[in-house]
Structure formats: C-alpha cells, structure tokens
Amino acid sequence: DDENGNENGNGKGCQRSRLEPMDTIFVKSVKDHGPAHQAGLCTGDRLVKVNGESVLGKTYSQVISLIQNSQHILEVSIMPKDDDVLQL
C-alpha cells in the first residue's frame, strides 16, 4: 500500500472518517468574545474530556454529540497547547 501513498491500508491515506475513533481532537478556532473565549479556550488546545467523559477512542461525531447534548452547562477538560507534549 505504501506505493499508493496509503500508510494505514484502508485506502484513505491519512484522512479519517467522522465515524472512526480519533486519537486527539484539537480546538480549530475560538470566536472572539464568545463563551469559549471568555472561558479561556484557545486555538490549538487539545480536548480531553466533555462533561467528565473522556473523548479518547470516541469518534468526532460522538464528541460533537456530547457537546451538543449538554443541557445548561458544558464542562470541557483541555490540555493547553503550550503545555501539550504532543505539540512540542
């Protein structure tokens, strides 16, 4: 498969489906003056937990559902980009 540029053998190369478990989910952007910005979330932060539930091994869609299904309070645990050994 390497000759076709597919390292993982599934024919998709490095692209991942929203239905495949993710190893890491990073904050892509934070809206100025929005709730996330006011709470101190920054672009590049790594999402660790949503409402106390680990995101490890969850699909992107599952993580989005956890966020969207929060009732009145959304609690996220993050690894700040500046402290993240995965981004050194």
PDB file of N, CA and C in Angstrom:
ATOM      1  N   ASP A   1       0.806  -1.199   0.000  1.00  0.00           N
ATOM      2  CA  ASP A   1       0.000   0.000   0.000  1.00  0.00           C
ATOM      3  C   ASP A   1       0.852   1.268   0.000  1.00  0.00           C
ATOM      4  N   ASP A   2       2.108   1.172   0.463  1.00  0.00           N
ATOM      5  CA  ASP A   2       2.939   2.359   0.519  1.00  0.00           C
ATOM      6  C   ASP A   2       3.137   2.997  -0.849  1.00  0.00           C
ATOM      7  N   GLU A   3       3.178   2.182  -1.905  1.00  0.00           N
ATOM      8  CA  GLU A   3       3.409   2.755  -3.219  1.00  0.00           C
ATOM      9  C   GLU A   3       2.227   3.606  -3.683  1.00  0.00           C
ATOM     10  N   ASN A   4       1.053   3.399  -3.097  1.00  0.00           N
ATOM     11  CA  ASN A   4      -0.113   4.202  -3.429  1.00  0.00           C
ATOM     12  C   ASN A   4      -0.309   5.355  -2.446  1.00  0.00           C
ATOM     13  N   GLY A   5       0.614   5.495  -1.509  1.00  0.00           N
ATOM     14  CA  GLY A   5       0.517   6.571  -0.539  1.00  0.00           C
ATOM     15  C   GLY A   5      -0.436   6.279   0.602  1.00  0.00           C
ATOM     16  N   ASN A   6      -0.825   5.039   0.772  1.00  0.00           N
ATOM     17  CA  ASN A   6      -1.750   4.670   1.839  1.00  0.00           C
ATOM     18  C   ASN A   6      -0.995   3.940   2.931  1.00  0.00           C
ATOM     19  N   GLU A   7      -0.742   4.641   4.020  1.00  0.00           N
ATOM     20  CA  GLU A   7       0.041   4.051   5.090  1.00  0.00           C
ATOM     21  C   GLU A   7      -0.767   3.131   5.977  1.00  0.00           C
ATOM     22  N   ASN A   8      -2.061   3.350   6.077  1.00  0.00           N
ATOM     23  CA  ASN A   8      -2.825   2.541   7.018  1.00  0.00           C
ATOM     24  C   ASN A   8      -3.595   1.415   6.348  1.00  0.00           C
ATOM     25  N   GLY A   9      -3.467   1.274   5.055  1.00  0.00           N
ATOM     26  CA  GLY A   9      -4.035   0.114   4.375  1.00  0.00           C
ATOM     27  C   GLY A   9      -5.531   0.150   4.146  1.00  0.00           C
ATOM     28  N   ASN A  10      -6.201   1.246   4.461  1.00  0.00           N
ATOM     29  CA  ASN A  10      -7.643   1.270   4.259  1.00  0.00           C
ATOM     30  C   ASN A  10      -8.048   2.054   3.020  1.00  0.00           C
ATOM     31  N   GLY A  11      -7.071   2.478   2.232  1.00  0.00           N
ATOM     32  CA  GLY A  11      -7.362   3.191   1.000  1.00  0.00           C
ATOM     33  C   GLY A  11      -7.665   4.662   1.195  1.00  0.00           C
ATOM     34  N   LYS A  12      -7.571   5.150   2.426  1.00  0.00           N
ATOM     35  CA  LYS A  12      -7.906   6.542   2.691  1.00  0.00           C
ATOM     36  C   LYS A  12      -6.682   7.395   2.994  1.00  0.00           C
ATOM     37  N   GLY A  13      -5.499   6.821   2.988  1.00  0.00           N
ATOM     38  CA  GLY A  13      -4.322   7.596   3.349  1.00  0.00           C
ATOM     39  C   GLY A  13      -4.436   8.075   4.776  1.00  0.00           C
ATOM     40  N   CYS A  14      -4.191   9.349   4.983  1.00  0.00           N
ATOM     41  CA  CYS A  14      -4.231   9.903   6.335  1.00  0.00           C
ATOM     42  C   CYS A  14      -5.592  10.489   6.686  1.00  0.00           C
ATOM     43  N   GLN A  15      -6.510  10.524   5.766  1.00  0.00           N
ATOM     44  CA  GLN A  15      -7.827  11.086   6.057  1.00  0.00           C
ATOM     45  C   GLN A  15      -8.597  10.140   6.956  1.00  0.00           C
ATOM     46  N   ARG A  16      -9.424  10.721   7.804  1.00  0.00           N
ATOM     47  CA  ARG A  16     -10.237   9.927   8.726  1.00  0.00           C
ATOM     48  C   ARG A  16     -11.698  10.271   8.538  1.00  0.00           C
ATOM     49  N   SER A  17     -12.523   9.282   8.731  1.00  0.00           N
ATOM     50  CA  SER A  17     -13.963   9.475   8.672  1.00  0.00           C
ATOM     51  C   SER A  17     -14.448  10.009  10.010  1.00  0.00           C
ATOM     52  N   ARG A  18     -15.575  10.681   9.998  1.00  0.00           N
ATOM     53  CA  ARG A  18     -16.173  11.156  11.247  1.00  0.00           C
ATOM     54  C   ARG A  18     -16.662   9.982  12.078  1.00  0.00           C
ATOM     55  N   LEU A  19     -16.665   8.789  11.500  1.00  0.00           N
ATOM     56  CA  LEU A  19     -17.147   7.606  12.211  1.00  0.00           C
ATOM     57  C   LEU A  19     -16.011   6.784  12.795  1.00  0.00           C
ATOM     58  N   GLU A  20     -14.770   7.163  12.536  1.00  0.00           N
ATOM     59  CA  GLU A  20     -13.624   6.435  13.074  1.00  0.00           C
ATOM     60  C   GLU A  20     -13.184   7.081  14.384  1.00  0.00           C
ATOM     61  N   PRO A  21     -12.758   6.260  15.369  1.00  0.00           N
ATOM     62  CA  PRO A  21     -12.255   6.825  16.626  1.00  0.00           C
ATOM     63  C   PRO A  21     -11.058   7.738  16.372  1.00  0.00           C
ATOM     64  N   MET A  22     -11.003   8.826  17.113  1.00  0.00           N
ATOM     65  CA  MET A  22      -9.917   9.795  16.975  1.00  0.00           C
ATOM     66  C   MET A  22      -8.965   9.646  18.152  1.00  0.00           C
ATOM     67  N   ASP A  23      -7.684   9.834  17.894  1.00  0.00           N
ATOM     68  CA  ASP A  23      -6.707   9.823  18.973  1.00  0.00           C
ATOM     69  C   ASP A  23      -6.709  11.167  19.701  1.00  0.00           C
ATOM     70  N   THR A  24      -6.852  12.227  18.946  1.00  0.00           N
ATOM     71  CA  THR A  24      -6.834  13.560  19.525  1.00  0.00           C
ATOM     72  C   THR A  24      -7.804  14.460  18.777  1.00  0.00           C
ATOM     73  N   ILE A  25      -8.382  15.400  19.497  1.00  0.00           N
ATOM     74  CA  ILE A  25      -9.242  16.407  18.895  1.00  0.00           C
ATOM     75  C   ILE A  25      -8.759  17.760  19.400  1.00  0.00           C
ATOM     76  N   PHE A  26      -8.418  18.634  18.463  1.00  0.00           N
ATOM     77  CA  PHE A  26      -7.893  19.948  18.795  1.00  0.00           C
ATOM     78  C   PHE A  26      -8.934  21.020  18.495  1.00  0.00           C
ATOM     79  N   VAL A  27      -8.846  22.114  19.241  1.00  0.00           N
ATOM     80  CA  VAL A  27      -9.708  23.266  19.002  1.00  0.00           C
ATOM     81  C   VAL A  27      -9.189  23.969  17.749  1.00  0.00           C
ATOM     82  N   LYS A  28     -10.049  24.061  16.742  1.00  0.00           N
ATOM     83  CA  LYS A  28      -9.644  24.658  15.468  1.00  0.00           C
ATOM     84  C   LYS A  28      -9.689  26.180  15.518  1.00  0.00           C
ATOM     85  N   SER A  29     -10.717  26.720  16.121  1.00  0.00           N
ATOM     86  CA  SER A  29     -10.815  28.171  16.249  1.00  0.00           C
ATOM     87  C   SER A  29     -11.738  28.522  17.413  1.00  0.00           C
ATOM     88  N   VAL A  30     -11.550  29.712  17.927  1.00  0.00           N
ATOM     89  CA  VAL A  30     -12.360  30.217  19.034  1.00  0.00           C
ATOM     90  C   VAL A  30     -12.876  31.590  18.629  1.00  0.00           C
ATOM     91  N   LYS A  31     -14.185  31.763  18.711  1.00  0.00           N
ATOM     92  CA  LYS A  31     -14.815  33.033  18.328  1.00  0.00           C
ATOM     93  C   LYS A  31     -14.520  34.095  19.385  1.00  0.00           C
ATOM     94  N   ASP A  32     -13.986  35.227  18.926  1.00  0.00           N
ATOM     95  CA  ASP A  32     -13.707  36.339  19.841  1.00  0.00           C
ATOM     96  C   ASP A  32     -14.948  36.723  20.626  1.00  0.00           C
ATOM     97  N   HIS A  33     -14.775  36.890  21.918  1.00  0.00           N
ATOM     98  CA  HIS A  33     -15.828  37.329  22.836  1.00  0.00           C
ATOM     99  C   HIS A  33     -16.958  36.308  23.006  1.00  0.00           C
ATOM    100  N   GLY A  34     -16.804  35.104  22.448  1.00  0.00           N
ATOM    101  CA  GLY A  34     -17.795  34.054  22.644  1.00  0.00           C
ATOM    102  C   GLY A  34     -17.580  33.368  23.983  1.00  0.00           C
ATOM    103  N   PRO A  35     -18.473  32.447  24.355  1.00  0.00           N
ATOM    104  CA  PRO A  35     -18.362  31.754  25.649  1.00  0.00           C
ATOM    105  C   PRO A  35     -17.048  30.985  25.805  1.00  0.00           C
ATOM    106  N   ALA A  36     -16.595  30.343  24.747  1.00  0.00           N
ATOM    107  CA  ALA A  36     -15.337  29.580  24.832  1.00  0.00           C
ATOM    108  C   ALA A  36     -14.164  30.523  25.063  1.00  0.00           C
ATOM    109  N   HIS A  37     -14.144  31.646  24.358  1.00  0.00           N
ATOM    110  CA  HIS A  37     -13.087  32.647  24.519  1.00  0.00           C
ATOM    111  C   HIS A  37     -13.097  33.206  25.942  1.00  0.00           C
ATOM    112  N   GLN A  38     -14.286  33.498  26.442  1.00  0.00           N
ATOM    113  CA  GLN A  38     -14.414  34.041  27.799  1.00  0.00           C
ATOM    114  C   GLN A  38     -13.982  33.030  28.854  1.00  0.00           C
ATOM    115  N   ALA A  39     -14.123  31.725  28.541  1.00  0.00           N
ATOM    116  CA  ALA A  39     -13.712  30.674  29.476  1.00  0.00           C
ATOM    117  C   ALA A  39     -12.223  30.364  29.377  1.00  0.00           C
ATOM    118  N   GLY A  40     -11.542  30.984  28.407  1.00  0.00           N
ATOM    119  CA  GLY A  40     -10.098  30.802  28.292  1.00  0.00           C
ATOM    120  C   GLY A  40      -9.655  29.748  27.286  1.00  0.00           C
ATOM    121  N   LEU A  41     -10.579  29.212  26.501  1.00  0.00           N
ATOM    122  CA  LEU A  41     -10.227  28.219  25.477  1.00  0.00           C
ATOM    123  C   LEU A  41      -9.452  28.908  24.360  1.00  0.00           C
ATOM    124  N   CYS A  42      -8.429  28.229  23.846  1.00  0.00           N
ATOM    125  CA  CYS A  42      -7.585  28.811  22.805  1.00  0.00           C
ATOM    126  C   CYS A  42      -7.454  27.861  21.619  1.00  0.00           C
ATOM    127  N   THR A  43      -7.242  28.443  20.446  1.00  0.00           N
ATOM    128  CA  THR A  43      -6.968  27.649  19.254  1.00  0.00           C
ATOM    129  C   THR A  43      -5.741  26.776  19.522  1.00  0.00           C
ATOM    130  N   GLY A  44      -5.850  25.503  19.187  1.00  0.00           N
ATOM    131  CA  GLY A  44      -4.741  24.574  19.383  1.00  0.00           C
ATOM    132  C   GLY A  44      -4.830  23.761  20.661  1.00  0.00           C
ATOM    133  N   ASP A  45      -5.724  24.148  21.583  1.00  0.00           N
ATOM    134  CA  ASP A  45      -5.899  23.352  22.800  1.00  0.00           C
ATOM    135  C   ASP A  45      -6.428  21.972  22.415  1.00  0.00           C
ATOM    136  N   ARG A  46      -6.017  20.949  23.170  1.00  0.00           N
ATOM    137  CA  ARG A  46      -6.464  19.575  22.906  1.00  0.00           C
ATOM    138  C   ARG A  46      -7.589  19.214  23.863  1.00  0.00           C
ATOM    139  N   LEU A  47      -8.691  18.736  23.304  1.00  0.00           N
ATOM    140  CA  LEU A  47      -9.852  18.334  24.093  1.00  0.00           C
ATOM    141  C   LEU A  47      -9.567  16.985  24.753  1.00  0.00           C
ATOM    142  N   VAL A  48      -9.788  16.901  26.065  1.00  0.00           N
ATOM    143  CA  VAL A  48      -9.522  15.682  26.822  1.00  0.00           C
ATOM    144  C   VAL A  48     -10.825  15.040  27.314  1.00  0.00           C
ATOM    145  N   LYS A  49     -11.713  15.861  27.870  1.00  0.00           N
ATOM    146  CA  LYS A  49     -12.994  15.363  28.394  1.00  0.00           C
ATOM    147  C   LYS A  49     -14.111  16.344  28.085  1.00  0.00           C
ATOM    148  N   VAL A  50     -15.320  15.815  27.948  1.00  0.00           N
ATOM    149  CA  VAL A  50     -16.526  16.632  27.814  1.00  0.00           C
ATOM    150  C   VAL A  50     -17.480  16.191  28.912  1.00  0.00           C
ATOM    151  N   ASN A  51     -17.827  17.116  29.787  1.00  0.00           N
ATOM    152  CA  ASN A  51     -18.704  16.823  30.928  1.00  0.00           C
ATOM    153  C   ASN A  51     -18.231  15.595  31.712  1.00  0.00           C
ATOM    154  N   GLY A  52     -16.923  15.516  31.928  1.00  0.00           N
ATOM    155  CA  GLY A  52     -16.344  14.433  32.714  1.00  0.00           C
ATOM    156  C   GLY A  52     -16.102  13.141  31.969  1.00  0.00           C
ATOM    157  N   GLU A  53     -16.514  13.065  30.705  1.00  0.00           N
ATOM    158  CA  GLU A  53     -16.362  11.844  29.911  1.00  0.00           C
ATOM    159  C   GLU A  53     -15.187  11.985  28.947  1.00  0.00           C
ATOM    160  N   SER A  54     -14.255  11.050  29.023  1.00  0.00           N
ATOM    161  CA  SER A  54     -13.082  11.077  28.165  1.00  0.00           C
ATOM    162  C   SER A  54     -13.475  11.006  26.699  1.00  0.00           C
ATOM    163  N   VAL A  55     -12.752  11.743  25.859  1.00  0.00           N
ATOM    164  CA  VAL A  55     -13.004  11.689  24.418  1.00  0.00           C
ATOM    165  C   VAL A  55     -12.107  10.659  23.737  1.00  0.00           C
ATOM    166  N   LEU A  56     -11.199  10.059  24.500  1.00  0.00           N
ATOM    167  CA  LEU A  56     -10.273   9.072  23.945  1.00  0.00           C
ATOM    168  C   LEU A  56     -11.031   7.888  23.357  1.00  0.00           C
ATOM    169  N   GLY A  57     -10.775   7.586  22.108  1.00  0.00           N
ATOM    170  CA  GLY A  57     -11.410   6.454  21.444  1.00  0.00           C
ATOM    171  C   GLY A  57     -12.790   6.751  20.890  1.00  0.00           C
ATOM    172  N   LYS A  58     -13.278   7.975  21.105  1.00  0.00           N
ATOM    173  CA  LYS A  58     -14.589   8.344  20.571  1.00  0.00           C
ATOM    174  C   LYS A  58     -14.419   8.915  19.161  1.00  0.00           C
ATOM    175  N   THR A  59     -15.461   8.794  18.364  1.00  0.00           N
ATOM    176  CA  THR A  59     -15.424   9.387  17.038  1.00  0.00           C
ATOM    177  C   THR A  59     -15.668  10.886  17.148  1.00  0.00           C
ATOM    178  N   TYR A  60     -15.321  11.589  16.086  1.00  0.00           N
ATOM    179  CA  TYR A  60     -15.575  13.028  16.041  1.00  0.00           C
ATOM    180  C   TYR A  60     -17.063  13.296  16.260  1.00  0.00           C
ATOM    181  N   SER A  61     -17.908  12.521  15.596  1.00  0.00           N
ATOM    182  CA  SER A  61     -19.361  12.703  15.717  1.00  0.00           C
ATOM    183  C   SER A  61     -19.845  12.470  17.146  1.00  0.00           C
ATOM    184  N   GLN A  62     -19.259  11.472  17.839  1.00  0.00           N
ATOM    185  CA  GLN A  62     -19.645  11.213  19.227  1.00  0.00           C
ATOM    186  C   GLN A  62     -19.267  12.379  20.133  1.00  0.00           C
ATOM    187  N   VAL A  63     -18.099  12.958  19.896  1.00  0.00           N
ATOM    188  CA  VAL A  63     -17.645  14.089  20.711  1.00  0.00           C
ATOM    189  C   VAL A  63     -18.546  15.298  20.466  1.00  0.00           C
ATOM    190  N   ILE A  64     -18.889  15.547  19.206  1.00  0.00           N
ATOM    191  CA  ILE A  64     -19.785  16.654  18.891  1.00  0.00           C
ATOM    192  C   ILE A  64     -21.139  16.435  19.572  1.00  0.00           C
ATOM    193  N   SER A  65     -21.627  15.202  19.574  1.00  0.00           N
ATOM    194  CA  SER A  65     -22.903  14.895  20.244  1.00  0.00           C
ATOM    195  C   SER A  65     -22.827  15.168  21.739  1.00  0.00           C
ATOM    196  N   LEU A  66     -21.705  14.793  22.368  1.00  0.00           N
ATOM    197  CA  LEU A  66     -21.533  15.075  23.796  1.00  0.00           C
ATOM    198  C   LEU A  66     -21.635  16.577  24.058  1.00  0.00           C
ATOM    199  N   ILE A  67     -21.013  17.355  23.187  1.00  0.00           N
ATOM    200  CA  ILE A  67     -21.031  18.811  23.348  1.00  0.00           C
ATOM    201  C   ILE A  67     -22.440  19.355  23.123  1.00  0.00           C
ATOM    202  N   GLN A  68     -23.069  18.934  22.039  1.00  0.00           N
ATOM    203  CA  GLN A  68     -24.386  19.461  21.692  1.00  0.00           C
ATOM    204  C   GLN A  68     -25.478  19.017  22.662  1.00  0.00           C
ATOM    205  N   ASN A  69     -25.291  17.854  23.295  1.00  0.00           N
ATOM    206  CA  ASN A  69     -26.313  17.336  24.207  1.00  0.00           C
ATOM    207  C   ASN A  69     -26.159  17.831  25.638  1.00  0.00           C
ATOM    208  N   SER A  70     -25.223  18.734  25.864  1.00  0.00           N
ATOM    209  CA  SER A  70     -25.078  19.339  27.179  1.00  0.00           C
ATOM    210  C   SER A  70     -26.319  20.160  27.460  1.00  0.00           C
ATOM    211  N   GLN A  71     -26.839  20.055  28.664  1.00  0.00           N
ATOM    212  CA  GLN A  71     -28.059  20.785  29.000  1.00  0.00           C
ATOM    213  C   GLN A  71     -27.773  22.284  29.156  1.00  0.00           C
ATOM    214  N   HIS A  72     -27.475  22.711  30.355  1.00  0.00           N
ATOM    215  CA  HIS A  72     -27.281  24.135  30.603  1.00  0.00           C
ATOM    216  C   HIS A  72     -25.814  24.499  30.770  1.00  0.00           C
ATOM    217  N   ILE A  73     -25.007  23.512  31.161  1.00  0.00           N
ATOM    218  CA  ILE A  73     -23.592  23.769  31.413  1.00  0.00           C
ATOM    219  C   ILE A  73     -22.752  22.790  30.601  1.00  0.00           C
ATOM    220  N   LEU A  74     -21.748  23.308  29.915  1.00  0.00           N
ATOM    221  CA  LEU A  74     -20.787  22.490  29.186  1.00  0.00           C
ATOM    222  C   LEU A  74     -19.456  22.601  29.917  1.00  0.00           C
ATOM    223  N   GLU A  75     -18.954  21.459  30.371  1.00  0.00           N
ATOM    224  CA  GLU A  75     -17.661  21.435  31.048  1.00  0.00           C
ATOM    225  C   GLU A  75     -16.695  20.654  30.173  1.00  0.00           C
ATOM    226  N   VAL A  76     -15.612  21.309  29.762  1.00  0.00           N
ATOM    227  CA  VAL A  76     -14.594  20.626  28.965  1.00  0.00           C
ATOM    228  C   VAL A  76     -13.274  20.659  29.701  1.00  0.00           C
ATOM    229  N   SER A  77     -12.563  19.558  29.614  1.00  0.00           N
ATOM    230  CA  SER A  77     -11.197  19.499  30.132  1.00  0.00           C
ATOM    231  C   SER A  77     -10.285  19.522  28.923  1.00  0.00           C
ATOM    232  N   ILE A  78      -9.299  20.390  28.977  1.00  0.00           N
ATOM    233  CA  ILE A  78      -8.396  20.534  27.836  1.00  0.00           C
ATOM    234  C   ILE A  78      -6.945  20.444  28.285  1.00  0.00           C
ATOM    235  N   MET A  79      -6.098  20.171  27.321  1.00  0.00           N
ATOM    236  CA  MET A  79      -4.656  20.289  27.528  1.00  0.00           C
ATOM    237  C   MET A  79      -4.247  21.532  26.735  1.00  0.00           C
ATOM    238  N   PRO A  80      -3.824  22.581  27.440  1.00  0.00           N
ATOM    239  CA  PRO A  80      -3.432  23.798  26.727  1.00  0.00           C
ATOM    240  C   PRO A  80      -2.323  23.522  25.721  1.00  0.00           C
ATOM    241  N   LYS A  81      -2.404  24.163  24.577  1.00  0.00           N
ATOM    242  CA  LYS A  81      -1.421  23.956  23.514  1.00  0.00           C
ATOM    243  C   LYS A  81       0.007  24.145  24.030  1.00  0.00           C
ATOM    244  N   ASP A  82       0.224  25.162  24.839  1.00  0.00           N
ATOM    245  CA  ASP A  82       1.569  25.459  25.331  1.00  0.00           C
ATOM    246  C   ASP A  82       2.115  24.397  26.278  1.00  0.00           C
ATOM    247  N   ASP A  83       1.245  23.583  26.884  1.00  0.00           N
ATOM    248  CA  ASP A  83       1.673  22.540  27.818  1.00  0.00           C
ATOM    249  C   ASP A  83       1.591  21.141  27.215  1.00  0.00           C
ATOM    250  N   ASP A  84       1.192  21.048  25.958  1.00  0.00           N
ATOM    251  CA  ASP A  84       0.896  19.766  25.325  1.00  0.00           C
ATOM    252  C   ASP A  84       2.149  19.144  24.711  1.00  0.00           C
ATOM    253  N   VAL A  85       2.601  18.033  25.261  1.00  0.00           N
ATOM    254  CA  VAL A  85       3.795  17.369  24.743  1.00  0.00           C
ATOM    255  C   VAL A  85       3.584  16.851  23.317  1.00  0.00           C
ATOM    256  N   LEU A  86       2.336  16.670  22.892  1.00  0.00           N
ATOM    257  CA  LEU A  86       2.074  16.229  21.532  1.00  0.00           C
ATOM    258  C   LEU A  86       2.318  17.324  20.506  1.00  0.00           C
ATOM    259  N   GLN A  87       2.450  18.560  20.981  1.00  0.00           N
ATOM    260  CA  GLN A  87       2.613  19.678  20.056  1.00  0.00           C
ATOM    261  C   GLN A  87       3.931  20.425  20.239  1.00  0.00           C
ATOM    262  N   LEU A  88       4.897  19.776  20.857  1.00  0.00           N
ATOM    263  CA  LEU A  88       6.204  20.434  21.050  1.00  0.00           C
ATOM    264  C   LEU A  88       6.975  20.519  19.770  1.00  0.00           C
TER     265      LEU A  88
END
